[in-house]
Amino acid sequence: MNAFQSACDDVGLIGSRLRESLAAQVQAALVARQARDVIRLTGPTGTGKELVATLLHEVSRRALGRRGVLVRVSCSNLSGELFESVLFGYKRGAFTGADTTAQGLLGQARNGTLVLDEVHNLSWEDQGKLLRLMGEREYRPLGSTIVERTDAVIVLSSNVDLLELARQGKFRRDLLDRAPAKISLPPLWQRREDIGQLAQAFAREAAEQRGWTGFEGFTRRALADIEGAVVEKREESVRRLREFVRDLVFELEAPVDAIESAAIGPHLMSFFQLESLDRDRWDREAIDADFDRLVERRTAEQLAALHGVPERTLIKLAQILREVYDSLPEGSNPVPGSYRNLVARMNLATKAALWLMSGARNQAEFRRFFGTKPYEMPPKSVAWQIYHELFGEGGRVRK
């Protein structure tokens, strides 16, 4: 079992669809970058950002050998000097009441993970105080003349779209640009496969708390009803689903082997404010979604077979492409993440990777890497173009 899957199990992350989505995102945002870049973690309220932040910390321990602790702080109630003292720490005498020296949360998170929850609530001025930390990984405790460095994994967590806030002038774009690694959590209703898995886990958890034995959870029809209601009402929050399931189990007067569909109908309609339970339509939509998902899952397999490339290689290339795409600036910056700019950046990266693979020091060695016969080697004009595109004018490879 790899580091990601074992970390998911340990933190209790439920939902095969979410795990599948996070596997690629965590690889690109954390592991591939060797925890060097600030991570932007966004998702609607109740979708599991706190759990995913814990997952990031655990993956960094397993995959990157980091041994520090996980430190969280809510930015909602921090501002001004309090924000700086809590985050950066302070020296004795830095301000009234500073009778001792404190290392701050950054010091506590050394070789670990620092999560700034609700980062969108920071004032414009306090956001500016993070610029040096996010860009150069440097900070200075209050009252100190010594600049310190941090190696913590820094996670900016928010339930709002920070890019949209930046477009509105409500969040610093220069700060956003210093958090290039992105992880986005979808709302619950878009994770159809996960709804039943979560509901079943929550039901069994509640039954165990009641001391029931032999409880199997919901019947298949009951799970289909819950799934249909969640999708119908576009419910975003896993927390809300848990509330519904636990209320249902705790209201039962006596233990049961399983909860039937008939027993949950009125509760579904009341909790999710439904006028009716349109089971036939929900079933049709579920079948359509399952079919689409089946096609989606086979895409990598089909593309790999069609083009004679191992599926594992194709997936790795897709992850590299995501890395390149994420490195492009967003919005109205000079080089936005458009299709044309992505292709141009990827072409250049491919040529650079080819040169590194060849180990060549000049154009002649690059050509000979591919063979000794003229039809095996790239033309001289192509080798010349690649060489000068990668290294510019001059006859030596830049060190």
Protein backbone atom coordinates (compact mmCIF):
# COMPACT_ATOMS: atom_id res chain seq x y z
CA MET A 1 0.00 0.00 0.00
CA ASN A 2 1.49 3.36 -0.99
CA ALA A 3 1.90 6.39 1.24
CA PHE A 4 -1.25 8.09 -0.02
CA GLN A 5 -3.59 5.14 0.48
CA SER A 6 -2.21 4.30 3.92
CA ALA A 7 -2.56 7.95 4.96
CA CYS A 8 -6.18 7.98 3.73
CA ASP A 9 -6.93 4.93 5.84
CA ASP A 10 -5.25 6.37 8.93
CA VAL A 11 -7.07 9.72 8.80
CA GLY A 12 -10.39 8.03 8.02
CA LEU A 13 -11.01 9.58 4.62
CA ILE A 14 -14.16 7.95 3.21
CA GLY A 15 -15.21 8.08 -0.43
CA SER A 16 -13.65 6.30 -3.40
CA ARG A 17 -14.34 9.22 -5.76
CA LEU A 18 -12.69 11.74 -3.46
CA ARG A 19 -9.70 9.47 -2.93
CA GLU A 20 -9.29 9.10 -6.67
CA SER A 21 -9.41 12.86 -7.17
CA LEU A 22 -7.04 13.59 -4.31
CA ALA A 23 -4.49 10.97 -5.37
CA ALA A 24 -3.49 13.04 -8.40
CA GLN A 25 -3.87 16.41 -6.67
CA VAL A 26 -1.78 15.49 -3.62
CA GLN A 27 0.91 13.99 -5.87
CA ALA A 28 1.09 17.19 -7.94
CA ALA A 29 0.73 19.73 -5.12
CA LEU A 30 2.84 18.08 -2.42
CA VAL A 31 4.93 15.05 -3.37
CA ALA A 32 6.16 16.11 -6.82
CA ARG A 33 7.07 19.56 -5.48
CA GLN A 34 8.86 18.03 -2.47
CA ALA A 35 6.74 20.23 -0.15
CA ARG A 36 8.50 23.37 -1.41
CA ASP A 37 5.44 25.29 -2.64
CA VAL A 38 2.60 26.82 -0.64
CA ILE A 39 -0.62 24.86 -1.14
CA ARG A 40 -3.97 26.51 -1.79
CA LEU A 41 -6.75 24.26 -0.43
CA THR A 42 -10.29 25.31 -1.36
CA GLY A 43 -13.74 23.77 -1.19
CA PRO A 44 -17.26 24.56 0.03
CA THR A 45 -17.98 24.49 3.75
CA GLY A 46 -18.29 20.97 5.08
CA THR A 47 -16.47 19.18 2.25
CA GLY A 48 -13.58 17.98 4.41
CA LYS A 49 -10.82 20.59 4.14
CA GLU A 50 -9.69 19.97 7.71
CA LEU A 51 -9.45 16.24 7.04
CA VAL A 52 -7.56 16.80 3.78
CA ALA A 53 -5.11 19.12 5.54
CA THR A 54 -4.44 16.28 7.98
CA LEU A 55 -4.02 13.95 5.00
CA LEU A 56 -1.43 16.28 3.46
CA HIS A 57 0.52 16.21 6.71
CA GLU A 58 0.42 12.42 6.90
CA VAL A 59 1.47 11.98 3.26
CA SER A 60 4.38 14.36 3.81
CA ARG A 61 5.51 12.20 6.73
CA ARG A 62 5.27 8.96 4.80
CA ALA A 63 6.42 10.02 1.33
CA LEU A 64 8.86 12.81 2.18
CA GLY A 65 10.16 11.68 5.56
CA ARG A 66 9.06 14.81 7.41
CA ARG A 67 8.82 14.45 11.18
CA GLY A 68 7.34 17.71 12.42
CA VAL A 69 3.85 18.27 13.85
CA LEU A 70 0.63 19.58 12.34
CA VAL A 71 -0.25 23.12 13.48
CA ARG A 72 -3.53 24.86 12.67
CA VAL A 73 -4.68 28.40 13.19
CA SER A 74 -7.93 30.12 12.26
CA CYS A 75 -7.37 33.50 10.65
CA SER A 76 -10.88 34.71 11.50
CA ASN A 77 -9.96 36.26 14.84
CA LEU A 78 -6.36 37.28 14.16
CA SER A 79 -5.27 40.74 13.11
CA GLY A 80 -2.47 43.25 13.50
CA GLU A 81 0.10 42.64 16.19
CA LEU A 82 -1.78 39.58 17.48
CA PHE A 83 -1.54 37.97 14.06
CA GLU A 84 2.21 38.57 13.85
CA SER A 85 2.94 37.46 17.41
CA VAL A 86 0.93 34.25 17.11
CA LEU A 87 2.35 33.32 13.72
CA PHE A 88 5.92 34.64 13.80
CA GLY A 89 6.54 34.58 17.54
CA TYR A 90 8.20 37.35 19.54
CA LYS A 91 11.15 38.23 21.72
CA ARG A 92 10.90 39.20 25.33
CA GLY A 93 10.03 42.89 25.64
CA ALA A 94 8.74 43.17 22.06
CA PHE A 95 5.47 44.64 23.36
CA THR A 96 3.65 45.22 26.62
CA GLY A 97 3.05 41.88 28.28
CA ALA A 98 5.79 40.05 26.36
CA ASP A 99 7.52 38.78 29.49
CA THR A 100 9.05 35.76 27.76
CA THR A 101 10.22 34.72 24.30
CA ALA A 102 7.77 32.67 22.20
CA GLN A 103 8.65 30.83 19.01
CA GLY A 104 5.25 31.22 17.36
CA LEU A 105 3.32 28.75 15.23
CA LEU A 106 5.95 28.76 12.48
CA GLY A 107 8.54 27.62 14.96
CA GLN A 108 6.23 24.90 16.22
CA ALA A 109 5.58 23.68 12.68
CA ARG A 110 9.25 23.22 11.80
CA ASN A 111 9.62 20.20 9.46
CA GLY A 112 5.87 19.76 9.80
CA THR A 113 2.72 21.41 8.46
CA LEU A 114 1.14 24.82 9.11
CA VAL A 115 -2.50 25.27 8.10
CA LEU A 116 -3.92 28.79 7.89
CA ASP A 117 -7.67 28.20 8.03
CA GLU A 118 -10.12 30.77 6.65
CA VAL A 119 -7.23 32.72 5.20
CA HIS A 120 -9.66 34.91 3.23
CA ASN A 121 -10.61 36.61 6.50
CA LEU A 122 -7.17 38.21 6.90
CA SER A 123 -7.07 41.94 6.38
CA TRP A 124 -5.30 43.38 3.36
CA GLU A 125 -2.47 44.56 5.62
CA ASP A 126 -2.06 41.17 7.28
CA GLN A 127 -2.05 39.46 3.91
CA GLY A 128 0.88 41.71 3.01
CA LYS A 129 2.76 40.44 6.07
CA LEU A 130 2.66 36.95 4.57
CA LEU A 131 4.33 37.87 1.27
CA ARG A 132 7.91 37.30 2.37
CA LEU A 133 6.96 34.11 4.19
CA MET A 134 5.18 32.66 1.18
CA GLY A 135 7.79 33.75 -1.35
CA GLU A 136 11.15 33.36 0.38
CA ARG A 137 10.07 31.22 3.37
CA GLU A 138 11.52 33.89 5.64
CA TYR A 139 10.03 35.72 8.63
CA ARG A 140 11.15 37.79 11.59
CA PRO A 141 9.70 37.40 15.09
CA LEU A 142 8.42 40.59 16.71
CA GLY A 143 11.20 42.44 18.47
CA SER A 144 13.93 40.45 16.71
CA THR A 145 16.52 41.62 14.21
CA ILE A 146 17.24 38.09 13.03
CA VAL A 147 15.48 36.70 9.97
CA GLU A 148 14.45 33.07 10.37
CA ARG A 149 13.47 30.47 7.79
CA THR A 150 10.77 27.83 7.80
CA ASP A 151 10.61 24.48 6.02
CA ALA A 152 6.99 23.81 7.03
CA VAL A 153 4.40 22.71 4.50
CA ILE A 154 2.18 25.79 4.38
CA VAL A 155 -1.49 25.32 3.52
CA LEU A 156 -3.85 28.22 2.83
CA SER A 157 -7.35 26.88 3.45
CA SER A 158 -10.53 28.66 2.38
CA ASN A 159 -14.17 27.93 1.60
CA VAL A 160 -14.32 30.70 -0.99
CA ASP A 161 -12.71 31.11 -4.40
CA LEU A 162 -9.56 33.11 -3.64
CA LEU A 163 -8.96 33.82 -7.31
CA GLU A 164 -12.40 35.40 -7.62
CA LEU A 165 -11.73 37.45 -4.47
CA ALA A 166 -8.48 38.63 -6.05
CA ARG A 167 -10.36 39.67 -9.19
CA GLN A 168 -12.71 41.68 -6.99
CA GLY A 169 -9.78 43.35 -5.25
CA LYS A 170 -10.61 41.69 -1.91
CA PHE A 171 -7.57 39.42 -1.73
CA ARG A 172 -3.98 40.17 -2.65
CA ARG A 173 -3.10 38.75 -6.04
CA ASP A 174 0.62 38.87 -5.26
CA LEU A 175 -0.03 36.61 -2.27
CA LEU A 176 -2.13 34.25 -4.36
CA ASP A 177 0.70 33.96 -6.90
CA ARG A 178 2.96 32.73 -4.10
CA ALA A 179 0.66 29.74 -3.52
CA PRO A 180 1.01 27.92 -6.86
CA ALA A 181 0.06 24.41 -5.68
CA LYS A 182 -3.69 23.87 -5.72
CA ILE A 183 -6.07 21.30 -4.25
CA SER A 184 -9.79 21.75 -4.87
CA LEU A 185 -12.52 19.74 -3.13
CA PRO A 186 -15.79 19.23 -5.03
CA PRO A 187 -19.16 19.62 -3.31
CA LEU A 188 -20.72 16.42 -2.01
CA TRP A 189 -23.45 16.21 -4.67
CA GLN A 190 -20.80 15.97 -7.39
CA ARG A 191 -19.30 12.90 -5.70
CA ARG A 192 -22.25 10.57 -6.33
CA GLU A 193 -20.31 7.37 -5.58
CA ASP A 194 -19.24 8.70 -2.18
CA ILE A 195 -22.68 9.60 -0.84
CA GLY A 196 -23.74 6.03 -0.07
CA GLN A 197 -20.33 5.11 1.35
CA LEU A 198 -20.42 8.10 3.69
CA ALA A 199 -24.04 7.53 4.75
CA GLN A 200 -23.32 3.89 5.55
CA ALA A 201 -20.25 4.78 7.60
CA PHE A 202 -22.10 7.48 9.55
CA ALA A 203 -25.01 5.12 10.28
CA ARG A 204 -22.74 2.37 11.60
CA GLU A 205 -20.81 4.89 13.68
CA ALA A 206 -24.04 6.10 15.33
CA ALA A 207 -25.31 2.54 15.86
CA GLU A 208 -22.04 1.59 17.54
CA GLN A 209 -22.42 4.55 19.88
CA ARG A 210 -25.87 3.26 20.79
CA GLY A 211 -24.39 -0.14 21.58
CA TRP A 212 -26.16 -1.98 18.79
CA THR A 213 -24.73 -5.22 17.44
CA GLY A 214 -25.49 -6.85 14.11
CA PHE A 215 -26.49 -3.54 12.52
CA GLU A 216 -25.84 -3.54 8.76
CA GLY A 217 -26.75 0.06 7.96
CA PHE A 218 -29.06 1.20 5.19
CA THR A 219 -30.63 -1.07 2.60
CA ARG A 220 -29.62 -0.55 -1.02
CA ARG A 221 -32.91 1.18 -1.80
CA ALA A 222 -32.53 3.50 1.19
CA LEU A 223 -29.01 4.44 0.08
CA ALA A 224 -30.31 5.18 -3.42
CA ASP A 225 -32.94 7.49 -1.91
CA ILE A 226 -30.34 9.36 0.13
CA GLU A 227 -28.09 9.70 -2.89
CA GLY A 228 -30.99 10.99 -5.01
CA ALA A 229 -31.97 13.57 -2.39
CA VAL A 230 -28.42 14.87 -1.97
CA VAL A 231 -27.97 15.27 -5.74
CA GLU A 232 -31.46 16.77 -6.16
CA LYS A 233 -30.82 19.50 -3.59
CA ARG A 234 -27.21 20.07 -4.68
CA GLU A 235 -26.08 19.46 -1.10
CA GLU A 236 -22.43 20.49 -0.74
CA SER A 237 -21.63 19.51 2.83
CA VAL A 238 -20.55 16.11 4.11
CA ARG A 239 -21.20 17.51 7.57
CA ARG A 240 -24.87 18.02 6.71
CA LEU A 241 -25.18 14.44 5.48
CA ARG A 242 -23.65 13.19 8.71
CA GLU A 243 -26.12 15.28 10.71
CA PHE A 244 -29.06 13.78 8.80
CA VAL A 245 -27.88 10.18 9.20
CA ARG A 246 -27.04 10.47 12.88
CA ASP A 247 -30.35 12.16 13.69
CA LEU A 248 -32.15 9.33 11.91
CA VAL A 249 -30.32 6.59 13.81
CA PHE A 250 -30.65 8.27 17.21
CA GLU A 251 -34.40 8.78 16.74
CA LEU A 252 -35.03 5.06 16.27
CA GLU A 253 -36.66 3.61 19.37
CA ALA A 254 -35.19 0.12 19.11
CA PRO A 255 -32.29 -1.62 17.36
CA VAL A 256 -32.85 -2.80 13.79
CA ASP A 257 -30.82 -4.97 11.44
CA ALA A 258 -31.05 -2.42 8.62
CA ILE A 259 -32.86 0.83 7.90
CA GLU A 260 -35.41 0.46 5.11
CA SER A 261 -36.34 3.00 2.48
CA ALA A 262 -39.85 3.43 3.89
CA ALA A 263 -38.42 4.52 7.24
CA ILE A 264 -36.39 7.41 5.86
CA GLY A 265 -38.80 8.96 3.33
CA PRO A 266 -40.42 11.54 5.63
CA HIS A 267 -37.05 12.42 7.16
CA LEU A 268 -35.51 12.99 3.72
CA MET A 269 -38.34 15.25 2.63
CA SER A 270 -38.18 17.28 5.85
CA PHE A 271 -34.40 17.58 6.18
CA PHE A 272 -33.68 18.36 2.53
CA GLN A 273 -36.96 20.27 2.00
CA LEU A 274 -38.15 18.05 -0.83
CA GLU A 275 -41.68 18.18 -2.17
CA SER A 276 -41.58 14.54 -3.23
CA LEU A 277 -39.26 11.55 -3.65
CA ASP A 278 -38.92 11.14 -7.40
CA ARG A 279 -37.31 7.72 -7.20
CA ASP A 280 -37.80 6.76 -10.84
CA ARG A 281 -36.05 9.88 -12.12
CA TRP A 282 -33.29 9.55 -9.51
CA ASP A 283 -32.69 5.95 -10.59
CA ARG A 284 -32.44 6.96 -14.25
CA GLU A 285 -29.97 9.73 -13.39
CA ALA A 286 -27.93 7.31 -11.28
CA ILE A 287 -27.72 4.83 -14.17
CA ASP A 288 -26.61 7.61 -16.53
CA ALA A 289 -23.98 8.78 -14.04
CA ASP A 290 -22.69 5.24 -13.55
CA PHE A 291 -22.38 4.79 -17.32
CA ASP A 292 -20.52 8.08 -17.70
CA ARG A 293 -18.21 7.12 -14.86
CA LEU A 294 -17.50 3.75 -16.45
CA VAL A 295 -16.49 5.49 -19.68
CA GLU A 296 -14.36 7.97 -17.72
CA ARG A 297 -12.52 5.19 -15.90
CA ARG A 298 -11.69 3.45 -19.17
CA THR A 299 -10.32 6.58 -20.85
CA ALA A 300 -6.71 6.12 -19.73
CA GLU A 301 -6.77 2.43 -20.63
CA GLN A 302 -8.20 3.11 -24.09
CA LEU A 303 -5.83 5.97 -24.88
CA ALA A 304 -2.83 3.95 -23.76
CA ALA A 305 -3.83 0.99 -25.93
CA LEU A 306 -4.64 3.19 -28.92
CA HIS A 307 -1.25 4.92 -28.93
CA GLY A 308 0.92 2.05 -27.73
CA VAL A 309 1.96 3.74 -24.48
CA PRO A 310 1.87 2.01 -21.07
CA GLU A 311 -1.09 3.27 -19.04
CA ARG A 312 1.19 4.06 -16.09
CA THR A 313 3.39 6.21 -18.35
CA LEU A 314 0.37 8.04 -19.74
CA ILE A 315 -0.90 8.85 -16.26
CA LYS A 316 2.55 10.13 -15.23
CA LEU A 317 2.63 12.34 -18.32
CA ALA A 318 -0.79 13.71 -17.41
CA GLN A 319 0.48 14.53 -13.92
CA ILE A 320 3.50 16.32 -15.39
CA LEU A 321 1.21 18.24 -17.72
CA ARG A 322 -0.88 19.29 -14.71
CA GLU A 323 2.29 20.52 -13.04
CA VAL A 324 3.14 22.62 -16.09
CA TYR A 325 -0.40 23.97 -16.31
CA ASP A 326 -0.46 24.89 -12.62
CA SER A 327 2.81 26.78 -13.06
CA LEU A 328 1.18 29.15 -15.54
CA PRO A 329 -0.16 32.41 -14.08
CA GLU A 330 -3.91 32.80 -13.74
CA GLY A 331 -6.38 35.43 -14.81
CA SER A 332 -5.19 38.47 -16.70
CA ASN A 333 -1.46 38.03 -16.09
CA PRO A 334 0.83 38.34 -19.16
CA VAL A 335 1.07 34.56 -19.62
CA PRO A 336 -2.29 33.09 -18.56
CA GLY A 337 -2.95 29.36 -18.42
CA SER A 338 -4.43 29.17 -21.91
CA TYR A 339 -4.27 26.21 -24.28
CA ARG A 340 -1.69 27.86 -26.54
CA ASN A 341 0.57 28.90 -23.67
CA LEU A 342 0.30 25.45 -22.13
CA VAL A 343 1.29 23.78 -25.40
CA ALA A 344 4.21 26.18 -25.86
CA ARG A 345 5.42 25.59 -22.30
CA MET A 346 5.02 21.83 -22.67
CA ASN A 347 6.93 21.75 -25.97
CA LEU A 348 9.81 23.58 -24.36
CA ALA A 349 9.75 21.30 -21.33
CA THR A 350 9.77 18.24 -23.59
CA LYS A 351 12.81 19.51 -25.50
CA ALA A 352 14.60 20.28 -22.23
CA ALA A 353 13.80 16.79 -20.92
CA LEU A 354 15.09 15.24 -24.16
CA TRP A 355 18.36 17.13 -23.78
CA LEU A 356 18.75 16.04 -20.18
CA MET A 357 17.97 12.45 -21.14
CA SER A 358 20.68 12.50 -23.82
CA GLY A 359 23.29 13.93 -21.47
CA ALA A 360 24.62 15.92 -24.43
CA ARG A 361 27.03 18.84 -24.10
CA ASN A 362 26.58 20.10 -27.65
CA GLN A 363 24.46 19.64 -30.74
CA ALA A 364 26.60 16.84 -32.20
CA GLU A 365 26.32 14.70 -29.05
CA PHE A 366 22.57 15.33 -28.95
CA ARG A 367 22.16 14.02 -32.51
CA ARG A 368 24.36 10.96 -31.91
CA PHE A 369 22.32 9.95 -28.86
CA PHE A 370 19.50 8.84 -31.15
CA GLY A 371 21.65 6.80 -33.52
CA THR A 372 24.57 6.85 -35.94
CA LYS A 373 22.64 6.65 -39.20
CA PRO A 374 21.22 9.80 -40.79
CA TYR A 375 17.62 8.54 -40.68
CA GLU A 376 17.92 7.83 -36.92
CA MET A 377 19.33 11.23 -35.97
CA PRO A 378 17.43 14.52 -35.82
CA PRO A 379 18.45 16.84 -38.67
CA LYS A 380 21.20 19.34 -37.93
CA SER A 381 18.70 22.18 -38.31
CA VAL A 382 16.42 20.63 -35.69
CA ALA A 383 19.29 20.02 -33.26
CA TRP A 384 20.48 23.59 -33.79
CA GLN A 385 16.98 24.96 -33.14
CA ILE A 386 16.56 22.93 -29.95
CA TYR A 387 20.00 23.87 -28.69
CA HIS A 388 19.51 27.60 -29.18
CA GLU A 389 15.93 27.53 -27.93
CA LEU A 390 17.06 25.91 -24.69
CA PHE A 391 20.35 27.68 -24.10
CA GLY A 392 20.21 30.88 -26.11
CA GLU A 393 23.15 32.30 -27.96
CA GLY A 394 26.61 30.90 -27.26
CA GLY A 395 28.46 27.66 -27.65
CA ARG A 396 28.26 26.23 -24.12
CA VAL A 397 25.47 24.74 -22.07
CA ARG A 398 24.53 27.02 -19.21
CA LYS A 399 25.48 25.64 -15.87
